[in-house]
C-alpha atoms as a PDB file:
ATOM      1  CA  UNK A   1     -47.886   0.606  17.397  1.00  0.00           C
ATOM      2  CA  UNK A   2     -47.282   3.550  15.062  1.00  0.00           C
ATOM      3  CA  UNK A   3     -43.840   4.298  13.610  1.00  0.00           C
ATOM      4  CA  UNK A   4     -42.410   6.975  11.381  1.00  0.00           C
ATOM      5  CA  UNK A   5     -40.269  10.044  11.243  1.00  0.00           C
ATOM      6  CA  UNK A   6     -41.976  11.461  14.356  1.00  0.00           C
ATOM      7  CA  UNK A   7     -40.946   8.490  16.461  1.00  0.00           C
ATOM      8  CA  UNK A   8     -42.984   5.679  17.954  1.00  0.00           C
ATOM      9  CA  UNK A   9     -46.442   5.857  19.506  1.00  0.00           C
ATOM     10  CA  UNK A  10     -49.334   3.674  20.621  1.00  0.00           C
ATOM     11  CA  UNK A  11     -52.927   3.848  19.414  1.00  0.00           C
ATOM     12  CA  UNK A  12     -56.077   2.032  20.472  1.00  0.00           C
ATOM     13  CA  UNK A  13     -57.532   1.199  17.067  1.00  0.00           C
ATOM     14  CA  UNK A  14     -60.321  -0.973  18.480  1.00  0.00           C
ATOM     15  CA  UNK A  15     -62.010   2.150  19.864  1.00  0.00           C
ATOM     16  CA  UNK A  16     -61.900   3.950  16.541  1.00  0.00           C
ATOM     17  CA  UNK A  17     -64.350   3.254  13.657  1.00  0.00           C
ATOM     18  CA  UNK A  18     -62.639   2.029  10.512  1.00  0.00           C
ATOM     19  CA  UNK A  19     -63.514   5.149   8.581  1.00  0.00           C
ATOM     20  CA  UNK A  20     -61.609   7.310  11.129  1.00  0.00           C
ATOM     21  CA  UNK A  21     -58.459   5.231  11.472  1.00  0.00           C
ATOM     22  CA  UNK A  22     -56.553   7.071   8.728  1.00  0.00           C
ATOM     23  CA  UNK A  23     -56.219  10.856   8.943  1.00  0.00           C
ATOM     24  CA  UNK A  24     -53.969  13.021   6.828  1.00  0.00           C
ATOM     25  CA  UNK A  25     -54.359  16.715   7.592  1.00  0.00           C
ATOM     26  CA  UNK A  26     -52.390  19.873   8.498  1.00  0.00           C
ATOM     27  CA  UNK A  27     -51.001  20.026  12.013  1.00  0.00           C
ATOM     28  CA  UNK A  28     -52.146  22.557  14.626  1.00  0.00           C
ATOM     29  CA  UNK A  29     -49.514  22.703  17.356  1.00  0.00           C
ATOM     30  CA  UNK A  30     -50.377  23.342  21.043  1.00  0.00           C
ATOM     31  CA  UNK A  31     -48.211  23.351  24.132  1.00  0.00           C
ATOM     32  CA  UNK A  32     -50.928  22.072  26.437  1.00  0.00           C
ATOM     33  CA  UNK A  33     -54.542  20.842  26.380  1.00  0.00           C
ATOM     34  CA  UNK A  34     -55.869  24.149  27.738  1.00  0.00           C
ATOM     35  CA  UNK A  35     -54.593  25.921  24.587  1.00  0.00           C
ATOM     36  CA  UNK A  36     -56.437  23.481  22.383  1.00  0.00           C
ATOM     37  CA  UNK A  37     -59.654  23.829  24.398  1.00  0.00           C
ATOM     38  CA  UNK A  38     -59.407  27.616  24.208  1.00  0.00           C
ATOM     39  CA  UNK A  39     -59.063  27.449  20.410  1.00  0.00           C
ATOM     40  CA  UNK A  40     -62.135  25.168  20.299  1.00  0.00           C
ATOM     41  CA  UNK A  41     -64.153  27.623  22.377  1.00  0.00           C
ATOM     42  CA  UNK A  42     -63.132  30.454  19.997  1.00  0.00           C
ATOM     43  CA  UNK A  43     -64.469  28.423  17.030  1.00  0.00           C
ATOM     44  CA  UNK A  44     -61.019  28.136  15.406  1.00  0.00           C
ATOM     45  CA  UNK A  45     -60.978  24.377  14.972  1.00  0.00           C
ATOM     46  CA  UNK A  46     -63.802  23.757  12.526  1.00  0.00           C
ATOM     47  CA  UNK A  47     -61.577  22.169   9.913  1.00  0.00           C
ATOM     48  CA  UNK A  48     -59.604  19.019   9.177  1.00  0.00           C
ATOM     49  CA  UNK A  49     -56.479  18.955  11.336  1.00  0.00           C
ATOM     50  CA  UNK A  50     -54.158  16.864  13.473  1.00  0.00           C
ATOM     51  CA  UNK A  51     -53.747  18.295  16.921  1.00  0.00           C
ATOM     52  CA  UNK A  52     -50.120  18.089  18.079  1.00  0.00           C
ATOM     53  CA  UNK A  53     -49.942  18.594  21.839  1.00  0.00           C
ATOM     54  CA  UNK A  54     -46.302  18.651  22.667  1.00  0.00           C
ATOM     55  CA  UNK A  55     -44.097  18.730  25.827  1.00  0.00           C
ATOM     56  CA  UNK A  56     -46.450  16.483  27.754  1.00  0.00           C
ATOM     57  CA  UNK A  57     -43.951  13.647  28.358  1.00  0.00           C
ATOM     58  CA  UNK A  58     -42.459  12.340  31.634  1.00  0.00           C
ATOM     59  CA  UNK A  59     -39.524  14.777  31.756  1.00  0.00           C
ATOM     60  CA  UNK A  60     -41.458  17.844  30.539  1.00  0.00           C
ATOM     61  CA  UNK A  61     -44.232  17.912  33.119  1.00  0.00           C
ATOM     62  CA  UNK A  62     -44.716  14.423  34.540  1.00  0.00           C
ATOM     63  CA  UNK A  63     -46.958  13.129  31.707  1.00  0.00           C
ATOM     64  CA  UNK A  64     -50.385  14.369  32.918  1.00  0.00           C
ATOM     65  CA  UNK A  65     -53.711  12.914  31.892  1.00  0.00           C
ATOM     66  CA  UNK A  66     -55.062  14.620  28.779  1.00  0.00           C
ATOM     67  CA  UNK A  67     -58.640  13.440  29.044  1.00  0.00           C
ATOM     68  CA  UNK A  68     -60.047  16.963  28.458  1.00  0.00           C
ATOM     69  CA  UNK A  69     -59.195  16.660  24.751  1.00  0.00           C
ATOM     70  CA  UNK A  70     -61.597  13.867  23.902  1.00  0.00           C
ATOM     71  CA  UNK A  71     -64.911  15.805  24.088  1.00  0.00           C
ATOM     72  CA  UNK A  72     -63.954  18.737  21.804  1.00  0.00           C
ATOM     73  CA  UNK A  73     -62.228  16.504  19.275  1.00  0.00           C
ATOM     74  CA  UNK A  74     -65.208  14.167  19.357  1.00  0.00           C
ATOM     75  CA  UNK A  75     -67.564  17.051  18.607  1.00  0.00           C
ATOM     76  CA  UNK A  76     -65.485  18.052  15.610  1.00  0.00           C
ATOM     77  CA  UNK A  77     -65.356  14.485  14.349  1.00  0.00           C
ATOM     78  CA  UNK A  78     -69.139  14.203  14.635  1.00  0.00           C
ATOM     79  CA  UNK A  79     -69.437  17.446  12.648  1.00  0.00           C
ATOM     80  CA  UNK A  80     -67.701  15.714   9.738  1.00  0.00           C
ATOM     81  CA  UNK A  81     -64.138  16.883  10.138  1.00  0.00           C
ATOM     82  CA  UNK A  82     -61.109  14.692   9.918  1.00  0.00           C
ATOM     83  CA  UNK A  83     -59.361  15.069  13.302  1.00  0.00           C
ATOM     84  CA  UNK A  84     -56.686  13.215  15.170  1.00  0.00           C
ATOM     85  CA  UNK A  85     -54.370  13.729  18.146  1.00  0.00           C
ATOM     86  CA  UNK A  86     -50.612  13.243  18.358  1.00  0.00           C
ATOM     87  CA  UNK A  87     -48.897  13.779  21.717  1.00  0.00           C
ATOM     88  CA  UNK A  88     -46.034  12.622  23.865  1.00  0.00           C
ATOM     89  CA  UNK A  89     -48.527  12.677  26.745  1.00  0.00           C
ATOM     90  CA  UNK A  90     -50.967  10.050  27.933  1.00  0.00           C
ATOM     91  CA  UNK A  91     -54.721   9.435  27.966  1.00  0.00           C
ATOM     92  CA  UNK A  92     -56.344   6.852  30.223  1.00  0.00           C
ATOM     93  CA  UNK A  93     -58.193   4.340  28.142  1.00  0.00           C
ATOM     94  CA  UNK A  94     -56.580   5.874  25.089  1.00  0.00           C
ATOM     95  CA  UNK A  95     -58.866   8.273  23.236  1.00  0.00           C
ATOM     96  CA  UNK A  96     -62.276   6.813  22.739  1.00  0.00           C
ATOM     97  CA  UNK A  97     -63.518   7.342  19.200  1.00  0.00           C
ATOM     98  CA  UNK A  98     -60.877   9.870  18.069  1.00  0.00           C
ATOM     99  CA  UNK A  99     -57.664   8.453  16.590  1.00  0.00           C
ATOM    100  CA  UNK A 100     -54.871   9.363  18.979  1.00  0.00           C
ATOM    101  CA  UNK A 101     -51.137   8.632  18.753  1.00  0.00           C
ATOM    102  CA  UNK A 102     -50.108   8.856  22.398  1.00  0.00           C
ATOM    103  CA  UNK A 103     -46.864   8.243  24.361  1.00  0.00           C
ATOM    104  CA  UNK A 104     -44.850   9.505  21.374  1.00  0.00           C
ATOM    105  CA  UNK A 105     -41.242   8.526  21.957  1.00  0.00           C
ATOM    106  CA  UNK A 106     -38.741  10.151  22.170  1.00  0.00           C
ATOM    107  CA  UNK A 107     -40.568  12.923  23.962  1.00  0.00           C
ATOM    108  CA  UNK A 108     -40.212  16.535  22.891  1.00  0.00           C
ATOM    109  CA  UNK A 109     -38.105  17.641  25.820  1.00  0.00           C
ATOM    110  CA  UNK A 110     -35.402  15.063  25.093  1.00  0.00           C
ATOM    111  CA  UNK A 111     -35.061  16.115  21.435  1.00  0.00           C
ATOM    112  CA  UNK A 112     -37.882  14.097  19.893  1.00  0.00           C
ATOM    113  CA  UNK A 113     -38.805  15.071  16.357  1.00  0.00           C
ATOM    114  CA  UNK A 114     -42.348  15.971  17.421  1.00  0.00           C
ATOM    115  CA  UNK A 115     -40.862  19.119  18.872  1.00  0.00           C
ATOM    116  CA  UNK A 116     -39.899  20.202  15.339  1.00  0.00           C
ATOM    117  CA  UNK A 117     -43.427  19.963  13.884  1.00  0.00           C
ATOM    118  CA  UNK A 118     -44.930  23.309  12.839  1.00  0.00           C
ATOM    119  CA  UNK A 119     -48.533  24.247  12.381  1.00  0.00           C
ATOM    120  CA  UNK A 120     -49.405  23.590   8.737  1.00  0.00           C
ATOM    121  CA  UNK A 121     -47.122  20.558   8.328  1.00  0.00           C
ATOM    122  CA  UNK A 122     -49.208  17.712   6.891  1.00  0.00           C
ATOM    123  CA  UNK A 123     -49.324  14.772   9.303  1.00  0.00           C
ATOM    124  CA  UNK A 124     -50.310  11.232   8.411  1.00  0.00           C
ATOM    125  CA  UNK A 125     -51.722   9.050  11.168  1.00  0.00           C
ATOM    126  CA  UNK A 126     -52.513   5.639   9.675  1.00  0.00           C
ATOM    127  CA  UNK A 127     -53.868   3.298  12.270  1.00  0.00           C
ATOM    128  CA  UNK A 128     -54.316   0.492   9.736  1.00  0.00           C
ATOM    129  CA  UNK A 129     -50.701   0.374   8.550  1.00  0.00           C
ATOM    130  CA  UNK A 130     -49.125   1.609  11.759  1.00  0.00           C
ATOM    131  CA  UNK A 131     -47.630   4.849  10.291  1.00  0.00           C
ATOM    132  CA  UNK A 132     -47.048   8.182  12.028  1.00  0.00           C
ATOM    133  CA  UNK A 133     -45.337  10.608   9.735  1.00  0.00           C
ATOM    134  CA  UNK A 134     -44.876  14.288   8.989  1.00  0.00           C
ATOM    135  CA  UNK A 135     -44.871  15.024   5.290  1.00  0.00           C
ATOM    136  CA  UNK A 136     -41.617  16.962   5.676  1.00  0.00           C
ATOM    137  CA  UNK A 137     -38.306  16.064   4.064  1.00  0.00           C
ATOM    138  CA  UNK A 138     -35.746  14.399   6.331  1.00  0.00           C
ATOM    139  CA  UNK A 139     -33.309  17.258   5.668  1.00  0.00           C
ATOM    140  CA  UNK A 140     -35.775  19.961   6.636  1.00  0.00           C
ATOM    141  CA  UNK A 141     -36.962  18.141   9.754  1.00  0.00           C
ATOM    142  CA  UNK A 142     -33.315  17.646  10.872  1.00  0.00           C
ATOM    143  CA  UNK A 143     -32.422  21.281  10.259  1.00  0.00           C
ATOM    144  CA  UNK A 144     -35.322  22.696  12.212  1.00  0.00           C
ATOM    145  CA  UNK A 145     -34.830  23.783  15.823  1.00  0.00           C
ATOM    146  CA  UNK A 146     -37.513  23.178  18.442  1.00  0.00           C
ATOM    147  CA  UNK A 147     -39.460  26.305  19.208  1.00  0.00           C
ATOM    148  CA  UNK A 148     -38.940  27.768  22.683  1.00  0.00           C
ATOM    149  CA  UNK A 149     -41.466  26.616  25.179  1.00  0.00           C
ATOM    150  CA  UNK A 150     -42.272  27.921  28.650  1.00  0.00           C
ATOM    151  CA  UNK A 151     -42.687  25.040  31.119  1.00  0.00           C
ATOM    152  CA  UNK A 152     -42.536  27.137  34.248  1.00  0.00           C
ATOM    153  CA  UNK A 153     -46.168  26.523  35.140  1.00  0.00           C
ATOM    154  CA  UNK A 154     -45.391  22.778  35.178  1.00  0.00           C
ATOM    155  CA  UNK A 155     -42.530  23.206  37.597  1.00  0.00           C
ATOM    156  CA  UNK A 156     -43.854  25.444  40.364  1.00  0.00           C
ATOM    157  CA  UNK A 157     -46.834  25.418  42.672  1.00  0.00           C
ATOM    158  CA  UNK A 158     -48.866  22.684  44.334  1.00  0.00           C
ATOM    159  CA  UNK A 159     -45.653  20.940  45.421  1.00  0.00           C
ATOM    160  CA  UNK A 160     -44.317  20.467  41.922  1.00  0.00           C
ATOM    161  CA  UNK A 161     -40.920  21.694  43.054  1.00  0.00           C
ATOM    162  CA  UNK A 162     -40.606  18.605  45.220  1.00  0.00           C
ATOM    163  CA  UNK A 163     -40.862  16.344  42.215  1.00  0.00           C
ATOM    164  CA  UNK A 164     -38.512  18.158  39.858  1.00  0.00           C
ATOM    165  CA  UNK A 165     -35.702  15.671  40.481  1.00  0.00           C
ATOM    166  CA  UNK A 166     -38.000  12.791  39.545  1.00  0.00           C
ATOM    167  CA  UNK A 167     -39.102  14.415  36.319  1.00  0.00           C
ATOM    168  CA  UNK A 168     -35.540  15.244  35.363  1.00  0.00           C
ATOM    169  CA  UNK A 169     -34.385  11.684  35.738  1.00  0.00           C
ATOM    170  CA  UNK A 170     -37.479   9.908  34.320  1.00  0.00           C
ATOM    171  CA  UNK A 171     -36.980   7.401  31.565  1.00  0.00           C
ATOM    172  CA  UNK A 172     -39.082   7.545  28.410  1.00  0.00           C
ATOM    173  CA  UNK A 173     -42.643   6.322  28.160  1.00  0.00           C
ATOM    174  CA  UNK A 174     -41.446   3.101  26.482  1.00  0.00           C
ATOM    175  CA  UNK A 175     -39.338   2.338  29.548  1.00  0.00           C
ATOM    176  CA  UNK A 176     -42.255   3.040  31.894  1.00  0.00           C
ATOM    177  CA  UNK A 177     -41.412   6.665  32.761  1.00  0.00           C
ATOM    178  CA  UNK A 178     -39.666   5.481  35.893  1.00  0.00           C
ATOM    179  CA  UNK A 179     -37.080   7.490  37.827  1.00  0.00           C
ATOM    180  CA  UNK A 180     -34.750   5.011  39.476  1.00  0.00           C
ATOM    181  CA  UNK A 181     -33.700   2.471  36.848  1.00  0.00           C
ATOM    182  CA  UNK A 182     -30.654   0.505  35.823  1.00  0.00           C
ATOM    183  CA  UNK A 183     -28.622   2.281  33.176  1.00  0.00           C
ATOM    184  CA  UNK A 184     -29.664  -0.201  30.500  1.00  0.00           C
ATOM    185  CA  UNK A 185     -33.356   0.567  31.100  1.00  0.00           C
ATOM    186  CA  UNK A 186     -32.719   4.267  30.953  1.00  0.00           C
ATOM    187  CA  UNK A 187     -30.887   3.966  27.681  1.00  0.00           C
ATOM    188  CA  UNK A 188     -27.544   4.853  29.337  1.00  0.00           C
ATOM    189  CA  UNK A 189     -24.074   3.422  29.277  1.00  0.00           C
ATOM    190  CA  UNK A 190     -23.328   0.766  31.866  1.00  0.00           C
ATOM    191  CA  UNK A 191     -20.211   2.467  33.179  1.00  0.00           C
ATOM    192  CA  UNK A 192     -20.124   2.696  37.018  1.00  0.00           C
ATOM    193  CA  UNK A 193     -19.266   6.341  36.623  1.00  0.00           C
ATOM    194  CA  UNK A 194     -22.361   7.169  34.624  1.00  0.00           C
ATOM    195  CA  UNK A 195     -24.298   9.902  36.335  1.00  0.00           C
ATOM    196  CA  UNK A 196     -27.742  11.360  35.832  1.00  0.00           C
ATOM    197  CA  UNK A 197     -27.888  15.106  36.449  1.00  0.00           C
ATOM    198  CA  UNK A 198     -30.306  17.567  37.858  1.00  0.00           C
ATOM    199  CA  UNK A 199     -29.823  21.178  38.863  1.00  0.00           C
ATOM    200  CA  UNK A 200     -29.914  20.123  42.523  1.00  0.00           C
ATOM    201  CA  UNK A 201     -29.056  16.437  42.567  1.00  0.00           C
ATOM    202  CA  UNK A 202     -26.836  13.938  40.787  1.00  0.00           C
ATOM    203  CA  UNK A 203     -27.484  10.196  40.932  1.00  0.00           C
ATOM    204  CA  UNK A 204     -24.734   7.668  40.142  1.00  0.00           C
ATOM    205  CA  UNK A 205     -25.022   3.943  39.760  1.00  0.00           C
ATOM    206  CA  UNK A 206     -25.338   2.326  43.172  1.00  0.00           C
ATOM    207  CA  UNK A 207     -26.608   5.447  44.963  1.00  0.00           C
ATOM    208  CA  UNK A 208     -29.420   4.940  47.437  1.00  0.00           C
ATOM    209  CA  UNK A 209     -31.945   7.764  47.159  1.00  0.00           C
END
């Protein structure tokens, strides 16, 4: 587990060589893995950096697999650069040899502090001590507003509209990213009048979907 002012995350340290388990470098922020891969193809990533791939959590876009990130980050690591990944998304089998803080909770769409990270912020990922931290003062981080993000591509096409209600009502990664859960599991009050909202549906305790 990693903990710090960016929330909580998991990391598979056993897959990462000891010399790569601690990375402290400026953040480069991306809204999806395609943007990172495009920057790699343009030759813009030959430097030390921490890739922050945000809005990849359960509510944002269903928490897709981010396996495409491992090859380009691995190439940069092999070239001698300090690189790491921080995301509220997931990667099957974690990340391989690149240090990756995944399943960051709370996710960006629900107000997680990862959404307030800016490119250039220095990020510490310390897999040895279990630390995930932005070198930004608590006051500055709290005062920042998340930058606008366009998630429309994640909500339309290929049947995504059918699953909007499930994304909107998903719990966090720590609770299993499940949709129909008791209020306690969803981090909600236990009142029988508690409702979970969506722009087309509302679920209340005891409802049968």
